[in-house]
Amino acid sequence: MATLVCRVQFLDDTDPFNSTNFPEPTRPPLYTFREDISLINQIAGLHRLLQAPHKLDDCALQLSHNGTYLDLESNLAEQKDELEGFLEDPGRGKKHSMILRTQLSVRVHACIEKLYNSCGRELRRALFSLKQIFQDDKDLVHEFVVAEGLTCLIKVGAEADQNYQNYILRALGQIMLYVDGMNGLIDHSETIQWLYTLIGSKFRLVVKTALKLLLVFVEYTESNAPLLIQAVTKVDHKRGVRPWSNVMEILDEKDGIDTELLVYAMTLINKTLAGLPDQDSFYDVVDCLEEQAMEAISQRHLNKKGTDLDLVEQFNIYEMGLKHEDGDDDTVTLSGRKNRRRSSLGVNERRGLERRRSRRHSVQNIKSSLSAPTSPCSPLPGHFRSHFLLASGQRHEDLSENKDGAQQYMVCHADEPNQSDVFEANLSECNADEEYEEEEAEEEQPVTESNTEDEGEDDPSRQGQESELKPDAANEITDDNPQSSKYVVSFVPVPEGEGPTGQFQIPDINNPFS
């Protein structure tokens, strides 16, 4: 019959908020355990020996050397791994002991019940002790999360003043140090929403602690960044304001200048953007910030003398990241920032993969296009159409990234019946009379090279049209026969009401200078 003889003590933690870390008695007695009998059948004798204040049904056994809780339903022989190193002498006359204390679930429910039912000084004392309770026993964190302790903290904190909120934030910070606690926050979005709400508090210490906890949450794993965005969007949607408004109020310095809060706020934005998985989610956040004058705020801080260097660094990270995503500066390499995939706008729109740009980039492109000078052959304002109809009746839009092209070239193949046949019929029908008249004119008066040059010098607008209509070297017509299998049609927009089609003038295929 195998036995285990060890020192035994008890820890009075029947009241979790009024317990000590010093087991009793200071001179522990010895107790003999049977290794083949379950511990739950032996704990009654241990309870009588120690004269512990615990309820027998609420007792648990903990090893002093590693803090492991033994399974009372099993015997010691089945838990040899947990007992490894327990019987070894640590030296200096100190020996390990088996401690009788309250079960984790019982202590957790006692904590939650007291938080709900206390008020005033008693509640303040309980909240103040909560961090130390989690720090003393890491196994208590898992039980607290499972028992919906996070919901309890949020409900108590929503109705408390700033001092109580600071105590709750300290306890949350301790919970987030453990894996079980962080996983509990990831699965409990209400906690993240409450932390973001506290960013809008009027009390600096509350705002600072909430920002630091959100930074810890975002930096824990990249998948937490979308969770933070969801929480921010939900909170601000209920308030009827734009997302990230609490952060933007800090950056806008509505409550005065506080460099430390500014650095934390910008760091939170940059860490969130760095953790986003795709380009669409990145631009959704950036465009929302830009709509709230993020560019003006950034330039104000960057151009102001004496700005904190850490703050300048965070704003520069934001600006470089935005340029990097827009493709304005390919040389930018940011640590921790990934190359995001280009999102498709839809195959049905026949656009394929088109790169999305930020709101700031689009606004700047519009301003530059409006201020750009027009060429002599450009259509007048109000007459230019950015799209035209193909012969089949389909609308053709400019799909280039800059959308600033002045003309479109389309290569039609004779073996495509739905487009080339229709184009050939329309072209022959529209230009039949012009070809006949031009052939007669050429027979009566041939055009010499000198006459062509003189005419080009006399009419500068003519030169502009000729340069516009001249195809590239790669697309030159290799066959003068209009019935050849491949030819090029150039579409040049002209003012409405002019030309044979009323909207666009279709040049002659055989004579590109007509």
Protein backbone atom coordinates (compact mmCIF):
# COMPACT_ATOMS: atom_id res chain seq x y z
CA MET A 1 0.00 0.00 0.00
CA ALA A 2 1.68 3.19 -1.28
CA THR A 3 1.37 6.35 0.81
CA LEU A 4 2.51 9.94 0.66
CA VAL A 5 3.51 11.77 3.84
CA CYS A 6 3.73 15.56 3.52
CA ARG A 7 3.22 18.80 5.37
CA VAL A 8 -0.29 20.31 5.24
CA GLN A 9 -1.64 23.83 5.80
CA PHE A 10 -4.77 25.83 5.06
CA LEU A 11 -5.30 29.32 3.56
CA ASP A 12 -8.31 31.29 4.78
CA ASP A 13 -9.71 32.70 1.55
CA THR A 14 -13.39 32.30 2.30
CA ASP A 15 -13.65 36.03 1.68
CA PRO A 16 -11.61 36.68 -1.49
CA PHE A 17 -11.31 40.38 -0.72
CA ASN A 18 -10.10 39.82 2.84
CA SER A 19 -7.63 36.99 2.56
CA THR A 20 -3.90 36.69 3.15
CA ASN A 21 -1.14 34.89 1.33
CA PHE A 22 0.26 33.30 4.47
CA PRO A 23 -0.87 29.70 5.07
CA GLU A 24 -1.61 28.47 8.56
CA PRO A 25 -0.42 27.07 10.85
CA THR A 26 3.12 28.37 10.69
CA ARG A 27 4.32 24.97 11.96
CA PRO A 28 2.49 22.65 9.62
CA PRO A 29 1.66 19.12 10.74
CA LEU A 30 2.25 15.98 8.69
CA TYR A 31 -0.52 14.06 7.01
CA THR A 32 -0.45 10.65 5.34
CA PHE A 33 -2.28 10.26 2.03
CA ARG A 34 -3.19 6.97 0.39
CA GLU A 35 -2.11 6.99 -3.26
CA ASP A 36 -4.78 4.48 -4.35
CA ILE A 37 -7.80 6.34 -2.90
CA SER A 38 -9.38 9.42 -4.45
CA LEU A 39 -8.58 12.64 -2.66
CA ILE A 40 -12.23 13.58 -2.15
CA ASN A 41 -12.54 10.63 0.26
CA GLN A 42 -9.50 11.74 2.26
CA ILE A 43 -10.08 15.48 2.47
CA ALA A 44 -12.48 15.22 5.42
CA GLY A 45 -9.73 13.87 7.70
CA LEU A 46 -7.38 16.64 6.57
CA HIS A 47 -10.08 19.24 7.26
CA ARG A 48 -10.51 17.93 10.85
CA LEU A 49 -6.77 17.90 11.46
CA LEU A 50 -6.28 21.53 10.40
CA GLN A 51 -9.58 22.77 11.90
CA ALA A 52 -9.97 24.92 8.77
CA PRO A 53 -12.79 27.50 8.51
CA HIS A 54 -13.80 26.33 5.01
CA LYS A 55 -16.95 24.49 4.11
CA LEU A 56 -16.09 20.90 3.38
CA ASP A 57 -17.87 20.92 0.02
CA ASP A 58 -15.96 24.05 -1.07
CA CYS A 59 -12.45 22.78 -0.32
CA ALA A 60 -9.64 22.22 -2.81
CA LEU A 61 -6.02 21.08 -2.55
CA GLN A 62 -3.16 23.15 -3.99
CA LEU A 63 0.53 22.32 -4.21
CA SER A 64 2.72 25.06 -2.75
CA HIS A 65 5.74 24.55 -5.05
CA ASN A 66 3.97 25.25 -8.39
CA GLY A 67 0.45 26.39 -7.48
CA THR A 68 -1.22 23.44 -9.22
CA TYR A 69 -4.69 22.40 -8.08
CA LEU A 70 -5.13 18.64 -7.63
CA ASP A 71 -8.12 16.81 -9.04
CA LEU A 72 -10.13 15.61 -6.04
CA GLU A 73 -11.90 12.97 -8.13
CA SER A 74 -8.58 11.24 -8.86
CA ASN A 75 -6.00 9.65 -6.60
CA LEU A 76 -2.36 10.66 -6.20
CA ALA A 77 -1.08 7.78 -8.31
CA GLU A 78 -2.94 9.20 -11.31
CA GLN A 79 -1.40 12.66 -10.79
CA LYS A 80 2.30 11.81 -10.64
CA ASP A 81 3.14 14.54 -13.17
CA GLU A 82 1.70 17.27 -10.95
CA LEU A 83 3.62 15.92 -7.96
CA GLU A 84 6.96 16.03 -9.76
CA GLY A 85 9.42 18.00 -7.61
CA PHE A 86 6.99 18.21 -4.70
CA LEU A 87 8.97 15.91 -2.41
CA GLU A 88 12.34 17.43 -3.29
CA ASP A 89 13.99 19.50 -0.59
CA PRO A 90 14.25 23.13 -1.80
CA GLY A 91 16.94 23.82 0.81
CA ARG A 92 17.31 26.43 3.54
CA GLY A 93 15.13 24.33 5.82
CA LYS A 94 11.97 25.05 3.79
CA LYS A 95 9.79 22.19 2.62
CA HIS A 96 6.81 22.09 0.31
CA SER A 97 3.32 21.60 1.67
CA MET A 98 -0.17 20.76 0.48
CA ILE A 99 -2.56 23.66 1.08
CA LEU A 100 -6.27 23.36 1.80
CA ARG A 101 -8.20 26.32 0.36
CA THR A 102 -11.48 27.34 -1.31
CA GLN A 103 -12.30 26.10 -4.81
CA LEU A 104 -11.75 28.51 -7.69
CA SER A 105 -15.36 28.59 -8.86
CA VAL A 106 -16.60 29.35 -5.34
CA ARG A 107 -14.17 32.25 -4.93
CA VAL A 108 -15.04 33.68 -8.35
CA HIS A 109 -18.76 33.68 -7.65
CA ALA A 110 -18.08 35.31 -4.27
CA CYS A 111 -16.12 38.08 -6.06
CA ILE A 112 -18.82 38.72 -8.65
CA GLU A 113 -21.59 38.73 -6.07
CA LYS A 114 -19.78 41.24 -3.91
CA LEU A 115 -19.12 43.55 -6.89
CA TYR A 116 -22.79 43.53 -7.80
CA ASN A 117 -24.13 44.03 -4.27
CA SER A 118 -21.60 46.48 -2.82
CA CYS A 119 -21.55 50.24 -2.99
CA GLY A 120 -19.59 53.17 -1.61
CA ARG A 121 -16.45 52.44 0.34
CA GLU A 122 -17.00 48.68 0.28
CA LEU A 123 -17.18 48.64 -3.53
CA ARG A 124 -14.12 50.82 -3.79
CA ARG A 125 -12.18 48.47 -1.54
CA ALA A 126 -13.29 45.43 -3.54
CA LEU A 127 -12.30 46.98 -6.88
CA PHE A 128 -8.97 48.06 -5.48
CA SER A 129 -8.18 44.51 -4.31
CA LEU A 130 -9.25 42.86 -7.56
CA LYS A 131 -5.91 43.31 -9.33
CA GLN A 132 -4.00 41.77 -6.42
CA ILE A 133 -6.39 38.82 -6.33
CA PHE A 134 -5.70 38.03 -10.00
CA GLN A 135 -2.00 38.57 -9.51
CA ASP A 136 -1.79 36.12 -6.59
CA ASP A 137 -3.63 33.28 -8.34
CA LYS A 138 -3.39 33.08 -12.14
CA ASP A 139 -5.84 30.16 -12.25
CA LEU A 140 -8.51 32.49 -10.93
CA VAL A 141 -8.45 34.51 -14.19
CA HIS A 142 -9.78 31.65 -16.30
CA GLU A 143 -12.62 30.96 -13.88
CA PHE A 144 -13.44 34.66 -13.70
CA VAL A 145 -13.72 34.93 -17.50
CA VAL A 146 -15.83 31.76 -17.75
CA ALA A 147 -18.20 33.03 -15.04
CA GLU A 148 -18.89 36.24 -17.06
CA GLY A 149 -16.81 38.35 -14.76
CA LEU A 150 -15.98 40.74 -17.62
CA THR A 151 -19.65 41.58 -17.99
CA CYS A 152 -19.78 42.30 -14.26
CA LEU A 153 -16.83 44.71 -14.50
CA ILE A 154 -18.40 46.61 -17.40
CA LYS A 155 -21.75 47.01 -15.67
CA VAL A 156 -20.12 48.23 -12.48
CA GLY A 157 -17.76 50.54 -14.37
CA ALA A 158 -20.51 52.10 -16.48
CA GLU A 159 -22.18 53.47 -13.36
CA ALA A 160 -19.03 54.32 -11.39
CA ASP A 161 -16.93 57.46 -11.19
CA GLN A 162 -13.43 57.87 -12.59
CA ASN A 163 -11.69 56.43 -9.50
CA TYR A 164 -13.66 53.19 -9.69
CA GLN A 165 -13.06 53.04 -13.45
CA ASN A 166 -9.31 53.31 -12.85
CA TYR A 167 -9.44 50.35 -10.46
CA ILE A 168 -11.39 48.30 -13.01
CA LEU A 169 -8.89 49.19 -15.75
CA ARG A 170 -6.04 48.06 -13.49
CA ALA A 171 -7.81 44.73 -12.98
CA LEU A 172 -8.39 44.36 -16.73
CA GLY A 173 -4.73 45.04 -17.37
CA GLN A 174 -3.83 42.19 -15.03
CA ILE A 175 -6.32 39.89 -16.74
CA MET A 176 -4.86 40.69 -20.15
CA LEU A 177 -1.42 39.53 -19.00
CA TYR A 178 -2.62 35.92 -19.07
CA VAL A 179 -3.49 33.97 -22.19
CA ASP A 180 -6.85 32.90 -20.80
CA GLY A 181 -7.66 36.48 -19.93
CA MET A 182 -6.73 37.83 -23.37
CA ASN A 183 -8.73 35.11 -25.10
CA GLY A 184 -11.64 36.07 -22.89
CA LEU A 185 -11.43 39.69 -24.06
CA ILE A 186 -11.22 38.59 -27.70
CA ASP A 187 -14.47 36.67 -27.30
CA HIS A 188 -16.13 39.48 -25.33
CA SER A 189 -16.56 42.44 -27.69
CA GLU A 190 -18.46 44.44 -25.05
CA THR A 191 -15.23 44.91 -23.12
CA ILE A 192 -13.47 46.39 -26.17
CA GLN A 193 -16.46 48.66 -26.80
CA TRP A 194 -16.32 49.89 -23.21
CA LEU A 195 -12.59 50.59 -23.45
CA TYR A 196 -13.13 52.64 -26.59
CA THR A 197 -15.95 54.53 -24.89
CA LEU A 198 -13.60 55.50 -22.06
CA ILE A 199 -11.33 57.22 -24.60
CA GLY A 200 -13.95 59.96 -24.71
CA SER A 201 -13.78 60.46 -20.93
CA LYS A 202 -12.96 63.87 -19.48
CA PHE A 203 -10.44 62.39 -17.07
CA ARG A 204 -6.92 62.08 -18.38
CA LEU A 205 -5.86 59.02 -16.38
CA VAL A 206 -8.91 57.07 -17.55
CA VAL A 207 -8.23 57.99 -21.19
CA LYS A 208 -4.54 57.14 -20.92
CA THR A 209 -5.14 53.72 -19.33
CA ALA A 210 -7.88 52.84 -21.84
CA LEU A 211 -5.59 53.73 -24.77
CA LYS A 212 -2.76 51.63 -23.34
CA LEU A 213 -5.04 48.60 -22.89
CA LEU A 214 -6.35 48.93 -26.46
CA LEU A 215 -2.76 49.07 -27.69
CA VAL A 216 -1.99 45.86 -25.82
CA PHE A 217 -5.09 44.28 -27.35
CA VAL A 218 -4.21 45.27 -30.94
CA GLU A 219 -0.55 44.28 -30.63
CA TYR A 220 -1.40 40.84 -29.22
CA THR A 221 -2.34 39.47 -32.65
CA GLU A 222 -3.18 40.94 -36.06
CA SER A 223 -6.66 39.42 -36.01
CA ASN A 224 -7.56 41.77 -33.13
CA ALA A 225 -7.41 44.86 -35.39
CA PRO A 226 -10.68 44.05 -37.22
CA LEU A 227 -12.29 43.31 -33.84
CA LEU A 228 -11.35 46.77 -32.61
CA ILE A 229 -12.76 48.36 -35.77
CA GLN A 230 -16.05 46.52 -35.28
CA ALA A 231 -16.24 47.73 -31.68
CA VAL A 232 -15.45 51.33 -32.68
CA THR A 233 -18.02 51.30 -35.46
CA LYS A 234 -20.73 49.88 -33.21
CA VAL A 235 -20.14 52.40 -30.41
CA ASP A 236 -20.04 55.45 -32.68
CA HIS A 237 -23.04 54.25 -34.68
CA LYS A 238 -25.11 54.20 -31.51
CA ARG A 239 -23.91 57.71 -30.69
CA GLY A 240 -24.76 58.93 -34.19
CA VAL A 241 -21.21 60.13 -34.96
CA ARG A 242 -18.49 59.08 -37.35
CA PRO A 243 -16.25 56.16 -36.38
CA TRP A 244 -13.04 57.01 -34.51
CA SER A 245 -14.49 60.34 -33.37
CA ASN A 246 -13.15 59.83 -29.83
CA VAL A 247 -9.61 59.40 -31.14
CA MET A 248 -9.94 62.34 -33.51
CA GLU A 249 -11.06 64.60 -30.65
CA ILE A 250 -7.83 63.77 -28.85
CA LEU A 251 -5.76 64.51 -31.95
CA ASP A 252 -7.65 67.74 -32.50
CA GLU A 253 -6.72 68.84 -28.95
CA LYS A 254 -10.23 69.91 -28.05
CA ASP A 255 -9.48 69.36 -24.36
CA GLY A 256 -6.05 70.97 -24.43
CA ILE A 257 -2.58 69.87 -25.42
CA ASP A 258 -1.47 66.53 -23.98
CA THR A 259 1.48 65.09 -25.89
CA GLU A 260 1.35 61.72 -24.20
CA LEU A 261 -2.28 61.15 -25.17
CA LEU A 262 -1.54 62.30 -28.72
CA VAL A 263 1.26 59.75 -29.05
CA TYR A 264 -0.92 56.93 -27.70
CA ALA A 265 -3.81 57.88 -29.99
CA MET A 266 -1.69 57.98 -33.17
CA THR A 267 0.10 54.77 -32.18
CA LEU A 268 -3.27 53.05 -31.79
CA ILE A 269 -4.31 54.17 -35.29
CA ASN A 270 -1.03 53.01 -36.86
CA LYS A 271 -1.06 49.65 -35.08
CA THR A 272 -4.65 49.07 -36.15
CA LEU A 273 -3.92 49.93 -39.79
CA ALA A 274 -0.82 47.71 -39.77
CA GLY A 275 -2.88 44.72 -38.64
CA LEU A 276 -5.63 44.94 -41.26
CA PRO A 277 -5.67 42.01 -43.69
CA ASP A 278 -6.72 43.69 -46.96
CA GLN A 279 -6.73 46.98 -48.79
CA ASP A 280 -10.47 47.60 -48.61
CA SER A 281 -10.54 47.54 -44.80
CA PHE A 282 -7.44 49.76 -44.75
CA TYR A 283 -9.05 52.42 -46.93
CA ASP A 284 -12.35 52.21 -45.03
CA VAL A 285 -10.55 53.34 -41.87
CA VAL A 286 -8.29 55.87 -43.60
CA ASP A 287 -11.13 57.50 -45.55
CA CYS A 288 -13.13 57.83 -42.34
CA LEU A 289 -10.17 59.58 -40.68
CA GLU A 290 -9.60 61.82 -43.70
CA GLU A 291 -13.24 62.92 -43.64
CA GLN A 292 -12.57 64.22 -40.13
CA ALA A 293 -9.67 66.44 -41.26
CA MET A 294 -6.89 64.02 -40.52
CA GLU A 295 -4.68 65.61 -43.18
CA ALA A 296 -5.00 69.08 -41.66
CA ILE A 297 -4.31 67.75 -38.15
CA SER A 298 -1.27 65.85 -39.36
CA GLN A 299 0.20 68.82 -41.19
CA ARG A 300 -0.44 71.11 -38.22
CA HIS A 301 1.52 68.91 -35.86
CA LEU A 302 4.30 68.19 -38.36
CA ASN A 303 4.79 71.85 -39.21
CA LYS A 304 4.59 73.11 -35.64
CA LYS A 305 7.89 73.85 -33.97
CA GLY A 306 8.75 71.97 -30.83
CA THR A 307 6.48 68.98 -31.58
CA ASP A 308 7.38 65.87 -29.61
CA LEU A 309 9.65 63.57 -31.64
CA ASP A 310 7.60 60.48 -30.83
CA LEU A 311 4.49 62.24 -32.09
CA VAL A 312 6.27 63.33 -35.28
CA GLU A 313 7.37 59.75 -35.84
CA GLN A 314 3.81 58.43 -35.52
CA PHE A 315 2.41 61.02 -37.93
CA ASN A 316 5.19 60.23 -40.39
CA ILE A 317 4.37 56.53 -40.15
CA TYR A 318 0.76 57.33 -41.00
CA GLU A 319 1.68 59.57 -43.96
CA MET A 320 4.22 57.12 -45.38
CA GLY A 321 1.81 54.23 -44.97
CA LEU A 322 -0.88 56.11 -46.85
CA LYS A 323 1.49 56.96 -49.71
CA HIS A 324 2.69 53.38 -49.80
CA GLU A 325 -0.83 52.01 -50.19
CA ASP A 326 -1.74 54.61 -52.83
CA GLY A 327 1.35 53.69 -54.81
CA ASP A 328 2.67 57.26 -54.72
CA ASP A 329 5.98 56.18 -53.21
CA ASP A 330 7.12 52.64 -53.96
CA THR A 331 10.39 53.16 -52.12
CA VAL A 332 8.68 53.32 -48.72
CA THR A 333 9.31 50.21 -46.64
CA LEU A 334 7.57 50.07 -43.28
CA SER A 335 8.32 47.47 -40.67
CA GLY A 336 5.28 45.46 -39.73
CA ARG A 337 3.26 46.65 -42.73
CA LYS A 338 2.37 44.08 -45.34
CA ASN A 339 1.71 44.37 -49.06
CA ARG A 340 -2.04 44.17 -49.23
CA ARG A 341 -3.77 42.39 -52.06
CA ARG A 342 -5.61 44.43 -54.66
CA SER A 343 -9.33 44.01 -54.30
CA SER A 344 -11.49 43.26 -57.32
CA LEU A 345 -14.35 45.59 -58.17
CA GLY A 346 -16.35 42.81 -59.75
CA VAL A 347 -15.91 40.55 -62.75
CA ASN A 348 -19.35 41.41 -64.07
CA GLU A 349 -18.28 45.01 -64.53
CA ARG A 350 -15.43 43.80 -66.76
CA ARG A 351 -12.97 45.81 -64.70
CA GLY A 352 -10.83 42.95 -63.43
CA LEU A 353 -8.44 43.94 -60.69
CA GLU A 354 -8.36 47.69 -60.18
CA ARG A 355 -6.31 49.35 -57.50
CA ARG A 356 -8.25 51.31 -54.92
CA ARG A 357 -7.00 54.70 -53.78
CA SER A 358 -7.53 56.73 -50.65
CA ARG A 359 -9.94 59.65 -50.43
CA ARG A 360 -7.04 62.11 -50.20
CA HIS A 361 -5.44 60.68 -53.34
CA SER A 362 -8.71 60.95 -55.28
CA VAL A 363 -9.30 64.55 -54.22
CA GLN A 364 -5.78 65.55 -55.22
CA ASN A 365 -6.20 63.89 -58.63
CA ILE A 366 -9.44 65.76 -59.24
CA LYS A 367 -7.80 69.08 -58.35
CA SER A 368 -4.82 68.39 -60.61
CA SER A 369 -7.04 67.38 -63.53
CA LEU A 370 -9.12 70.54 -63.19
CA SER A 371 -6.05 72.76 -63.10
CA ALA A 372 -4.28 70.99 -66.01
CA PRO A 373 -4.07 73.01 -69.31
CA THR A 374 -6.08 71.78 -72.27
CA SER A 375 -4.54 70.98 -75.66
CA PRO A 376 -5.60 72.88 -78.83
CA CYS A 377 -7.62 69.93 -80.10
CA SER A 378 -9.29 69.21 -76.76
CA PRO A 379 -13.07 69.59 -76.72
CA LEU A 380 -14.64 72.59 -75.07
CA PRO A 381 -15.83 72.36 -71.47
CA GLY A 382 -19.32 70.99 -71.29
CA HIS A 383 -19.01 69.11 -74.61
CA PHE A 384 -16.58 66.38 -73.63
CA ARG A 385 -18.09 63.04 -72.81
CA SER A 386 -16.05 60.65 -70.65
CA HIS A 387 -17.80 57.70 -72.25
CA PHE A 388 -19.21 56.70 -75.61
CA LEU A 389 -21.46 54.04 -77.02
CA LEU A 390 -20.10 51.17 -79.02
CA ALA A 391 -21.90 50.11 -82.17
CA SER A 392 -23.54 47.29 -80.23
CA GLY A 393 -25.07 49.88 -77.88
CA GLN A 394 -22.84 49.03 -74.90
CA ARG A 395 -21.41 51.89 -72.84
CA HIS A 396 -17.67 51.98 -72.78
CA GLU A 397 -15.99 53.75 -69.84
CA ASP A 398 -12.48 54.74 -69.23
CA LEU A 399 -11.03 52.00 -67.02
CA SER A 400 -7.54 53.37 -66.64
CA GLU A 401 -6.24 54.05 -63.11
CA ASN A 402 -5.83 57.79 -63.62
CA LYS A 403 -8.96 58.15 -65.81
CA ASP A 404 -7.32 61.14 -67.48
CA GLY A 405 -6.88 59.68 -71.00
CA ALA A 406 -7.91 61.95 -73.84
CA GLN A 407 -8.62 59.27 -76.46
CA GLN A 408 -9.37 55.55 -76.74
CA TYR A 409 -7.97 53.04 -79.22
CA MET A 410 -9.85 49.85 -79.87
CA VAL A 411 -8.56 46.95 -81.93
CA CYS A 412 -11.29 44.99 -83.62
CA HIS A 413 -10.82 41.55 -85.16
CA ALA A 414 -12.74 40.33 -88.15
CA ASP A 415 -13.45 36.98 -86.55
CA GLU A 416 -15.60 38.61 -83.82
CA PRO A 417 -19.10 38.78 -85.32
CA ASN A 418 -20.73 40.73 -82.53
CA GLN A 419 -18.43 43.75 -82.87
CA SER A 420 -16.27 43.73 -85.98
CA ASP A 421 -19.09 43.05 -88.46
CA VAL A 422 -21.17 45.84 -87.06
CA PHE A 423 -18.24 48.24 -87.07
CA GLU A 424 -17.38 47.34 -90.66
CA ALA A 425 -20.94 47.93 -91.78
CA ASN A 426 -21.21 51.26 -90.02
CA LEU A 427 -17.84 52.49 -91.25
CA SER A 428 -18.50 51.60 -94.85
CA GLU A 429 -21.94 53.21 -94.66
CA CYS A 430 -20.72 56.44 -93.03
CA ASN A 431 -17.66 56.93 -95.23
CA ALA A 432 -18.89 55.76 -98.61
CA ASP A 433 -19.64 59.28 -99.85
CA GLU A 434 -16.44 60.75 -98.40
CA GLU A 435 -14.23 58.13 -100.06
CA TYR A 436 -15.87 58.71 -103.45
CA GLU A 437 -15.41 62.49 -103.23
CA GLU A 438 -11.80 62.17 -102.09
CA GLU A 439 -10.91 59.79 -104.93
CA GLU A 440 -12.26 62.30 -107.47
CA ALA A 441 -10.33 65.11 -105.78
CA GLU A 442 -7.10 63.15 -105.89
CA GLU A 443 -7.51 62.38 -109.60
CA GLU A 444 -8.13 66.04 -110.51
CA GLN A 445 -5.44 67.59 -108.27
CA PRO A 446 -2.71 65.41 -106.79
CA VAL A 447 -1.30 66.47 -103.45
CA THR A 448 2.44 67.08 -103.39
CA GLU A 449 4.67 66.93 -100.36
CA SER A 450 5.33 70.66 -100.35
CA ASN A 451 1.61 71.47 -100.44
CA THR A 452 0.99 69.19 -97.50
CA GLU A 453 3.65 70.91 -95.44
CA ASP A 454 2.34 74.37 -96.34
CA GLU A 455 -1.18 73.44 -95.38
CA GLY A 456 0.04 72.08 -92.10
CA GLU A 457 1.92 75.27 -91.34
CA ASP A 458 -1.05 77.49 -92.19
CA ASP A 459 -3.49 75.58 -89.99
CA PRO A 460 -2.14 74.86 -86.52
CA SER A 461 -5.36 73.23 -85.43
CA ARG A 462 -4.99 70.90 -88.39
CA GLN A 463 -1.59 69.88 -87.08
CA GLY A 464 -3.07 69.14 -83.66
CA GLN A 465 -5.71 66.89 -85.18
CA GLU A 466 -3.17 65.08 -87.31
CA SER A 467 -0.98 64.41 -84.29
CA GLU A 468 -3.96 63.21 -82.34
CA LEU A 469 -5.14 60.92 -85.13
CA LYS A 470 -1.78 59.40 -85.91
CA PRO A 471 -1.63 55.87 -84.44
CA ASP A 472 1.32 54.51 -82.53
CA ALA A 473 4.08 52.62 -84.23
CA ALA A 474 2.89 49.38 -82.66
CA ASN A 475 -0.61 49.83 -84.10
CA GLU A 476 0.20 51.03 -87.63
CA ILE A 477 -2.00 49.74 -90.41
CA THR A 478 -0.02 47.18 -92.36
CA ASP A 479 -2.58 46.66 -95.08
CA ASP A 480 -4.31 49.37 -97.10
CA ASN A 481 -7.14 47.04 -97.89
CA PRO A 482 -10.17 47.94 -95.74
CA GLN A 483 -11.29 44.31 -95.93
CA SER A 484 -8.16 43.05 -94.16
CA SER A 485 -8.61 40.81 -91.14
CA LYS A 486 -7.24 43.39 -88.67
CA TYR A 487 -7.51 47.17 -88.62
CA VAL A 488 -7.51 50.02 -86.12
CA VAL A 489 -10.31 52.42 -85.41
CA SER A 490 -9.51 55.62 -83.50
CA PHE A 491 -12.25 57.45 -81.67
CA VAL A 492 -11.70 61.13 -81.07
CA PRO A 493 -14.30 63.08 -79.04
CA VAL A 494 -15.50 66.28 -80.72
CA PRO A 495 -18.05 68.86 -79.67
CA GLU A 496 -21.65 67.71 -79.84
CA GLY A 497 -23.45 68.37 -83.07
CA GLU A 498 -20.34 68.16 -85.26
CA GLY A 499 -19.16 65.28 -87.37
CA PRO A 500 -21.20 62.73 -89.30
CA THR A 501 -22.37 60.86 -86.18
CA GLY A 502 -23.54 63.94 -84.25
CA GLN A 503 -21.32 63.11 -81.25
CA PHE A 504 -18.13 61.46 -82.44
CA GLN A 505 -16.37 61.80 -85.74
CA ILE A 506 -15.23 58.49 -87.20
CA PRO A 507 -12.18 59.02 -89.39
CA ASP A 508 -11.63 57.28 -92.67
CA ILE A 509 -9.73 54.03 -92.38
CA ASN A 510 -7.86 54.44 -95.64
CA ASN A 511 -6.86 58.03 -94.96
CA PRO A 512 -5.86 58.62 -91.34
CA PHE A 513 -5.22 62.35 -92.08
CA SER A 514 -8.69 63.11 -93.42
